[in-house]
Amino acid sequence: MTVIWFIVWLIANNVGTHEPLLFDPVNVWTAT
């Protein structure tokens, strides 16, 4: 499941806008 999440995030990060993983506050990507 985590590998699938990483692949989806990698595609979304490269195709769309840059989506950093934020832990303070937690954003949607970090929560998922």
ModelCIF file with pLDDT and N, C-alpha, C, O atoms, coordinates in Angstrom:
data_MODEL
#
_entry.id   MODEL 
#
_entity.id                         1 
_entity.type                       polymer 
_entity.pdbx_number_of_molecules   1 
#
_entity_poly.entity_id                      1 
_entity_poly.type                           'polypeptide(L)' 
_entity_poly.nstd_linkage                   no 
_entity_poly.nstd_monomer                   no 
_entity_poly.pdbx_seq_one_letter_code       MTVIWFIVWLIANNVGTHEPLLFDPVNVWTAT 
_entity_poly.pdbx_seq_one_letter_code_can   MTVIWFIVWLIANNVGTHEPLLFDPVNVWTAT 
_entity_poly.pdbx_strand_id                 A 
#
loop_
_entity_poly_seq.entity_id 
_entity_poly_seq.num 
_entity_poly_seq.mon_id 
_entity_poly_seq.hetero 
1 1  MET n 
1 2  THR n 
1 3  VAL n 
1 4  ILE n 
1 5  TRP n 
1 6  PHE n 
1 7  ILE n 
1 8  VAL n 
1 9  TRP n 
1 10 LEU n 
1 11 ILE n 
1 12 ALA n 
1 13 ASN n 
1 14 ASN n 
1 15 VAL n 
1 16 GLY n 
1 17 THR n 
1 18 HIS n 
1 19 GLU n 
1 20 PRO n 
1 21 LEU n 
1 22 LEU n 
1 23 PHE n 
1 24 ASP n 
1 25 PRO n 
1 26 VAL n 
1 27 ASN n 
1 28 VAL n 
1 29 TRP n 
1 30 THR n 
1 31 ALA n 
1 32 THR n 
#
_struct_asym.id          A 
_struct_asym.entity_id   1 
#
loop_
_ma_qa_metric.id 
_ma_qa_metric.mode 
_ma_qa_metric.name 
_ma_qa_metric.software_group_id 
_ma_qa_metric.type 
1 global pLDDT . pLDDT 
2 local  pLDDT . pLDDT 
#
_ma_qa_metric_global.metric_id      1 
_ma_qa_metric_global.metric_value   85.75 
_ma_qa_metric_global.model_id       1 
_ma_qa_metric_global.ordinal_id     1 
#
loop_
_ma_qa_metric_local.label_asym_id 
_ma_qa_metric_local.label_comp_id 
_ma_qa_metric_local.label_seq_id 
_ma_qa_metric_local.metric_id 
_ma_qa_metric_local.metric_value 
_ma_qa_metric_local.model_id 
_ma_qa_metric_local.ordinal_id 
A MET 1  2 80.00 1 1  
A THR 2  2 84.00 1 2  
A VAL 3  2 89.00 1 3  
A ILE 4  2 89.00 1 4  
A TRP 5  2 86.00 1 5  
A PHE 6  2 88.00 1 6  
A ILE 7  2 89.00 1 7  
A VAL 8  2 88.00 1 8  
A TRP 9  2 86.00 1 9  
A LEU 10 2 88.00 1 10 
A ILE 11 2 87.00 1 11 
A ALA 12 2 86.00 1 12 
A ASN 13 2 84.00 1 13 
A ASN 14 2 88.00 1 14 
A VAL 15 2 89.00 1 15 
A GLY 16 2 80.00 1 16 
A THR 17 2 81.00 1 17 
A HIS 18 2 83.00 1 18 
A GLU 19 2 78.00 1 19 
A PRO 20 2 82.00 1 20 
A LEU 21 2 80.00 1 21 
A LEU 22 2 83.00 1 22 
A PHE 23 2 82.00 1 23 
A ASP 24 2 85.00 1 24 
A PRO 25 2 89.00 1 25 
A VAL 26 2 85.00 1 26 
A ASN 27 2 88.00 1 27 
A VAL 28 2 90.00 1 28 
A TRP 29 2 88.00 1 29 
A THR 30 2 89.00 1 30 
A ALA 31 2 90.00 1 31 
A THR 32 2 90.00 1 32 
#
loop_
_atom_site.group_PDB 
_atom_site.id 
_atom_site.type_symbol 
_atom_site.label_atom_id 
_atom_site.label_alt_id 
_atom_site.label_comp_id 
_atom_site.label_asym_id 
_atom_site.label_entity_id 
_atom_site.label_seq_id 
_atom_site.pdbx_PDB_ins_code 
_atom_site.Cartn_x 
_atom_site.Cartn_y 
_atom_site.Cartn_z 
_atom_site.occupancy 
_atom_site.B_iso_or_equiv 
_atom_site.pdbx_formal_charge 
_atom_site.auth_seq_id 
_atom_site.auth_comp_id 
_atom_site.auth_asym_id 
_atom_site.auth_atom_id 
_atom_site.pdbx_PDB_model_num 
ATOM 1   N N  . MET A 1 1  ? 0.824  -1.195 0.000   1.00 80.00 ? 1  MET A N  1 
ATOM 2   C CA . MET A 1 1  ? 0.000  0.000  0.000   1.00 80.00 ? 1  MET A CA 1 
ATOM 3   C C  . MET A 1 1  ? 0.867  1.258  0.000   1.00 80.00 ? 1  MET A C  1 
ATOM 4   O O  . MET A 1 1  ? 0.569  2.225  -0.701  1.00 80.00 ? 1  MET A O  1 
ATOM 5   N N  . THR A 1 2  ? 1.930  1.239  0.782   1.00 84.00 ? 2  THR A N  1 
ATOM 6   C CA . THR A 1 2  ? 2.804  2.406  0.849   1.00 84.00 ? 2  THR A CA 1 
ATOM 7   C C  . THR A 1 2  ? 3.530  2.623  -0.469  1.00 84.00 ? 2  THR A C  1 
ATOM 8   O O  . THR A 1 2  ? 3.747  3.763  -0.882  1.00 84.00 ? 2  THR A O  1 
ATOM 9   N N  . VAL A 1 3  ? 3.908  1.534  -1.132  1.00 89.00 ? 3  VAL A N  1 
ATOM 10  C CA . VAL A 1 3  ? 4.574  1.651  -2.440  1.00 89.00 ? 3  VAL A CA 1 
ATOM 11  C C  . VAL A 1 3  ? 3.622  2.239  -3.471  1.00 89.00 ? 3  VAL A C  1 
ATOM 12  O O  . VAL A 1 3  ? 4.017  3.074  -4.284  1.00 89.00 ? 3  VAL A O  1 
ATOM 13  N N  . ILE A 1 4  ? 2.367  1.803  -3.436  1.00 89.00 ? 4  ILE A N  1 
ATOM 14  C CA . ILE A 1 4  ? 1.361  2.361  -4.354  1.00 89.00 ? 4  ILE A CA 1 
ATOM 15  C C  . ILE A 1 4  ? 1.173  3.845  -4.072  1.00 89.00 ? 4  ILE A C  1 
ATOM 16  O O  . ILE A 1 4  ? 1.075  4.643  -5.004  1.00 89.00 ? 4  ILE A O  1 
ATOM 17  N N  . TRP A 1 5  ? 1.121  4.230  -2.779  1.00 86.00 ? 5  TRP A N  1 
ATOM 18  C CA . TRP A 1 5  ? 0.996  5.642  -2.429  1.00 86.00 ? 5  TRP A CA 1 
ATOM 19  C C  . TRP A 1 5  ? 2.171  6.433  -2.996  1.00 86.00 ? 5  TRP A C  1 
ATOM 20  O O  . TRP A 1 5  ? 1.984  7.513  -3.557  1.00 86.00 ? 5  TRP A O  1 
ATOM 21  N N  . PHE A 1 6  ? 3.385  5.894  -2.850  1.00 88.00 ? 6  PHE A N  1 
ATOM 22  C CA . PHE A 1 6  ? 4.572  6.599  -3.336  1.00 88.00 ? 6  PHE A CA 1 
ATOM 23  C C  . PHE A 1 6  ? 4.518  6.796  -4.849  1.00 88.00 ? 6  PHE A C  1 
ATOM 24  O O  . PHE A 1 6  ? 4.870  7.867  -5.344  1.00 88.00 ? 6  PHE A O  1 
ATOM 25  N N  . ILE A 1 7  ? 4.087  5.791  -5.579  1.00 89.00 ? 7  ILE A N  1 
ATOM 26  C CA . ILE A 1 7  ? 3.991  5.910  -7.039  1.00 89.00 ? 7  ILE A CA 1 
ATOM 27  C C  . ILE A 1 7  ? 2.973  6.982  -7.426  1.00 89.00 ? 7  ILE A C  1 
ATOM 28  O O  . ILE A 1 7  ? 3.230  7.798  -8.311  1.00 89.00 ? 7  ILE A O  1 
ATOM 29  N N  . VAL A 1 8  ? 1.821  6.977  -6.762  1.00 88.00 ? 8  VAL A N  1 
ATOM 30  C CA . VAL A 1 8  ? 0.788  7.986  -7.051  1.00 88.00 ? 8  VAL A CA 1 
ATOM 31  C C  . VAL A 1 8  ? 1.302  9.384  -6.723  1.00 88.00 ? 8  VAL A C  1 
ATOM 32  O O  . VAL A 1 8  ? 1.108  10.313 -7.506  1.00 88.00 ? 8  VAL A O  1 
ATOM 33  N N  . TRP A 1 9  ? 1.959  9.542  -5.568  1.00 86.00 ? 9  TRP A N  1 
ATOM 34  C CA . TRP A 1 9  ? 2.486  10.849 -5.181  1.00 86.00 ? 9  TRP A CA 1 
ATOM 35  C C  . TRP A 1 9  ? 3.567  11.316 -6.161  1.00 86.00 ? 9  TRP A C  1 
ATOM 36  O O  . TRP A 1 9  ? 3.611  12.490 -6.530  1.00 86.00 ? 9  TRP A O  1 
ATOM 37  N N  . LEU A 1 10 ? 4.434  10.394 -6.578  1.00 88.00 ? 10 LEU A N  1 
ATOM 38  C CA . LEU A 1 10 ? 5.504  10.736 -7.508  1.00 88.00 ? 10 LEU A CA 1 
ATOM 39  C C  . LEU A 1 10 ? 4.940  11.222 -8.829  1.00 88.00 ? 10 LEU A C  1 
ATOM 40  O O  . LEU A 1 10 ? 5.422  12.212 -9.379  1.00 88.00 ? 10 LEU A O  1 
ATOM 41  N N  . ILE A 1 11 ? 3.932  10.544 -9.344  1.00 87.00 ? 11 ILE A N  1 
ATOM 42  C CA . ILE A 1 11 ? 3.295  10.978 -10.598 1.00 87.00 ? 11 ILE A CA 1 
ATOM 43  C C  . ILE A 1 11 ? 2.620  12.329 -10.408 1.00 87.00 ? 11 ILE A C  1 
ATOM 44  O O  . ILE A 1 11 ? 2.780  13.225 -11.237 1.00 87.00 ? 11 ILE A O  1 
ATOM 45  N N  . ALA A 1 12 ? 1.865  12.481 -9.322  1.00 86.00 ? 12 ALA A N  1 
ATOM 46  C CA . ALA A 1 12 ? 1.173  13.752 -9.076  1.00 86.00 ? 12 ALA A CA 1 
ATOM 47  C C  . ALA A 1 12 ? 2.168  14.887 -8.871  1.00 86.00 ? 12 ALA A C  1 
ATOM 48  O O  . ALA A 1 12 ? 1.908  16.014 -9.293  1.00 86.00 ? 12 ALA A O  1 
ATOM 49  N N  . ASN A 1 13 ? 3.293  14.612 -8.236  1.00 84.00 ? 13 ASN A N  1 
ATOM 50  C CA . ASN A 1 13 ? 4.294  15.642 -7.986  1.00 84.00 ? 13 ASN A CA 1 
ATOM 51  C C  . ASN A 1 13 ? 4.985  16.073 -9.273  1.00 84.00 ? 13 ASN A C  1 
ATOM 52  O O  . ASN A 1 13 ? 5.321  17.247 -9.427  1.00 84.00 ? 13 ASN A O  1 
ATOM 53  N N  . ASN A 1 14 ? 5.201  15.148 -10.195 1.00 88.00 ? 14 ASN A N  1 
ATOM 54  C CA . ASN A 1 14 ? 5.887  15.482 -11.443 1.00 88.00 ? 14 ASN A CA 1 
ATOM 55  C C  . ASN A 1 14 ? 4.953  16.024 -12.515 1.00 88.00 ? 14 ASN A C  1 
ATOM 56  O O  . ASN A 1 14 ? 5.368  16.856 -13.322 1.00 88.00 ? 14 ASN A O  1 
ATOM 57  N N  . VAL A 1 15 ? 3.706  15.574 -12.543 1.00 89.00 ? 15 VAL A N  1 
ATOM 58  C CA . VAL A 1 15 ? 2.757  16.025 -13.558 1.00 89.00 ? 15 VAL A CA 1 
ATOM 59  C C  . VAL A 1 15 ? 2.130  17.352 -13.151 1.00 89.00 ? 15 VAL A C  1 
ATOM 60  O O  . VAL A 1 15 ? 2.048  18.280 -13.955 1.00 89.00 ? 15 VAL A O  1 
ATOM 61  N N  . GLY A 1 16 ? 1.695  17.437 -11.922 1.00 80.00 ? 16 GLY A N  1 
ATOM 62  C CA . GLY A 1 16 ? 1.029  18.653 -11.438 1.00 80.00 ? 16 GLY A CA 1 
ATOM 63  C C  . GLY A 1 16 ? 2.031  19.609 -10.817 1.00 80.00 ? 16 GLY A C  1 
ATOM 64  O O  . GLY A 1 16 ? 3.199  19.661 -11.202 1.00 80.00 ? 16 GLY A O  1 
ATOM 65  N N  . THR A 1 17 ? 1.546  20.351 -9.861  1.00 81.00 ? 17 THR A N  1 
ATOM 66  C CA . THR A 1 17 ? 2.417  21.287 -9.153  1.00 81.00 ? 17 THR A CA 1 
ATOM 67  C C  . THR A 1 17 ? 3.223  20.537 -8.102  1.00 81.00 ? 17 THR A C  1 
ATOM 68  O O  . THR A 1 17 ? 2.870  19.419 -7.724  1.00 81.00 ? 17 THR A O  1 
ATOM 69  N N  . HIS A 1 18 ? 4.286  21.140 -7.636  1.00 83.00 ? 18 HIS A N  1 
ATOM 70  C CA . HIS A 1 18 ? 5.144  20.526 -6.620  1.00 83.00 ? 18 HIS A CA 1 
ATOM 71  C C  . HIS A 1 18 ? 4.378  20.419 -5.311  1.00 83.00 ? 18 HIS A C  1 
ATOM 72  O O  . HIS A 1 18 ? 3.881  21.418 -4.791  1.00 83.00 ? 18 HIS A O  1 
ATOM 73  N N  . GLU A 1 19 ? 4.285  19.207 -4.781  1.00 78.00 ? 19 GLU A N  1 
ATOM 74  C CA . GLU A 1 19 ? 3.541  18.951 -3.547  1.00 78.00 ? 19 GLU A CA 1 
ATOM 75  C C  . GLU A 1 19 ? 4.490  18.414 -2.485  1.00 78.00 ? 19 GLU A C  1 
ATOM 76  O O  . GLU A 1 19 ? 4.733  17.208 -2.440  1.00 78.00 ? 19 GLU A O  1 
ATOM 77  N N  . PRO A 1 20 ? 5.032  19.272 -1.634  1.00 82.00 ? 20 PRO A N  1 
ATOM 78  C CA . PRO A 1 20 ? 5.938  18.781 -0.593  1.00 82.00 ? 20 PRO A CA 1 
ATOM 79  C C  . PRO A 1 20 ? 5.169  18.041 0.504   1.00 82.00 ? 20 PRO A C  1 
ATOM 80  O O  . PRO A 1 20 ? 3.969  18.245 0.685   1.00 82.00 ? 20 PRO A O  1 
ATOM 81  N N  . LEU A 1 21 ? 5.877  17.185 1.225   1.00 80.00 ? 21 LEU A N  1 
ATOM 82  C CA . LEU A 1 21 ? 5.285  16.492 2.367   1.00 80.00 ? 21 LEU A CA 1 
ATOM 83  C C  . LEU A 1 21 ? 5.518  17.343 3.604   1.00 80.00 ? 21 LEU A C  1 
ATOM 84  O O  . LEU A 1 21 ? 6.649  17.492 4.065   1.00 80.00 ? 21 LEU A O  1 
ATOM 85  N N  . LEU A 1 22 ? 4.447  17.896 4.131   1.00 83.00 ? 22 LEU A N  1 
ATOM 86  C CA . LEU A 1 22 ? 4.538  18.773 5.299   1.00 83.00 ? 22 LEU A CA 1 
ATOM 87  C C  . LEU A 1 22 ? 3.997  18.055 6.525   1.00 83.00 ? 22 LEU A C  1 
ATOM 88  O O  . LEU A 1 22 ? 2.919  17.462 6.484   1.00 83.00 ? 22 LEU A O  1 
ATOM 89  N N  . PHE A 1 23 ? 4.759  18.113 7.621   1.00 82.00 ? 23 PHE A N  1 
ATOM 90  C CA . PHE A 1 23 ? 4.327  17.475 8.857   1.00 82.00 ? 23 PHE A CA 1 
ATOM 91  C C  . PHE A 1 23 ? 3.835  18.475 9.890   1.00 82.00 ? 23 PHE A C  1 
ATOM 92  O O  . PHE A 1 23 ? 3.248  18.073 10.895  1.00 82.00 ? 23 PHE A O  1 
ATOM 93  N N  . ASP A 1 24 ? 4.057  19.759 9.674   1.00 85.00 ? 24 ASP A N  1 
ATOM 94  C CA . ASP A 1 24 ? 3.599  20.765 10.631  1.00 85.00 ? 24 ASP A CA 1 
ATOM 95  C C  . ASP A 1 24 ? 3.094  21.991 9.884   1.00 85.00 ? 24 ASP A C  1 
ATOM 96  O O  . ASP A 1 24 ? 3.923  22.851 9.587   1.00 85.00 ? 24 ASP A O  1 
ATOM 97  N N  . PRO A 1 25 ? 1.864  22.150 9.563   1.00 89.00 ? 25 PRO A N  1 
ATOM 98  C CA . PRO A 1 25 ? 0.741  21.242 9.776   1.00 89.00 ? 25 PRO A CA 1 
ATOM 99  C C  . PRO A 1 25 ? 0.729  20.133 8.719   1.00 89.00 ? 25 PRO A C  1 
ATOM 100 O O  . PRO A 1 25 ? 1.327  20.275 7.653   1.00 89.00 ? 25 PRO A O  1 
ATOM 101 N N  . VAL A 1 26 ? 0.059  19.053 9.022   1.00 85.00 ? 26 VAL A N  1 
ATOM 102 C CA . VAL A 1 26 ? -0.008 17.908 8.110   1.00 85.00 ? 26 VAL A CA 1 
ATOM 103 C C  . VAL A 1 26 ? -0.884 18.271 6.918   1.00 85.00 ? 26 VAL A C  1 
ATOM 104 O O  . VAL A 1 26 ? -2.020 18.717 7.082   1.00 85.00 ? 26 VAL A O  1 
ATOM 105 N N  . ASN A 1 27 ? -0.341 18.074 5.705   1.00 88.00 ? 27 ASN A N  1 
ATOM 106 C CA . ASN A 1 27 ? -1.161 18.311 4.526   1.00 88.00 ? 27 ASN A CA 1 
ATOM 107 C C  . ASN A 1 27 ? -1.801 17.002 4.065   1.00 88.00 ? 27 ASN A C  1 
ATOM 108 O O  . ASN A 1 27 ? -1.605 15.961 4.692   1.00 88.00 ? 27 ASN A O  1 
ATOM 109 N N  . VAL A 1 28 ? -2.559 17.051 2.980   1.00 90.00 ? 28 VAL A N  1 
ATOM 110 C CA . VAL A 1 28 ? -3.320 15.887 2.514   1.00 90.00 ? 28 VAL A CA 1 
ATOM 111 C C  . VAL A 1 28 ? -2.390 14.741 2.137   1.00 90.00 ? 28 VAL A C  1 
ATOM 112 O O  . VAL A 1 28 ? -2.674 13.588 2.462   1.00 90.00 ? 28 VAL A O  1 
ATOM 113 N N  . TRP A 1 29 ? -1.286 15.037 1.457   1.00 88.00 ? 29 TRP A N  1 
ATOM 114 C CA . TRP A 1 29 ? -0.365 13.970 1.039   1.00 88.00 ? 29 TRP A CA 1 
ATOM 115 C C  . TRP A 1 29 ? 0.261  13.277 2.247   1.00 88.00 ? 29 TRP A C  1 
ATOM 116 O O  . TRP A 1 29 ? 0.396  12.054 2.253   1.00 88.00 ? 29 TRP A O  1 
ATOM 117 N N  . THR A 1 30 ? 0.636  14.025 3.244   1.00 89.00 ? 30 THR A N  1 
ATOM 118 C CA . THR A 1 30 ? 1.231  13.428 4.436   1.00 89.00 ? 30 THR A CA 1 
ATOM 119 C C  . THR A 1 30 ? 0.191  12.626 5.211   1.00 89.00 ? 30 THR A C  1 
ATOM 120 O O  . THR A 1 30 ? 0.504  11.566 5.754   1.00 89.00 ? 30 THR A O  1 
ATOM 121 N N  . ALA A 1 31 ? -1.029 13.119 5.267   1.00 90.00 ? 31 ALA A N  1 
ATOM 122 C CA . ALA A 1 31 ? -2.092 12.387 5.957   1.00 90.00 ? 31 ALA A CA 1 
ATOM 123 C C  . ALA A 1 31 ? -2.375 11.059 5.278   1.00 90.00 ? 31 ALA A C  1 
ATOM 124 O O  . ALA A 1 31 ? -2.583 10.053 5.956   1.00 90.00 ? 31 ALA A O  1 
ATOM 125 N N  . THR A 1 32 ? -2.387 11.037 3.944   1.00 90.00 ? 32 THR A N  1 
ATOM 126 C CA . THR A 1 32 ? -2.615 9.780  3.244   1.00 90.00 ? 32 THR A CA 1 
ATOM 127 C C  . THR A 1 32 ? -1.413 8.838  3.396   1.00 90.00 ? 32 THR A C  1 
ATOM 128 O O  . THR A 1 32 ? -1.429 7.726  2.868   1.00 90.00 ? 32 THR A O  1 
#
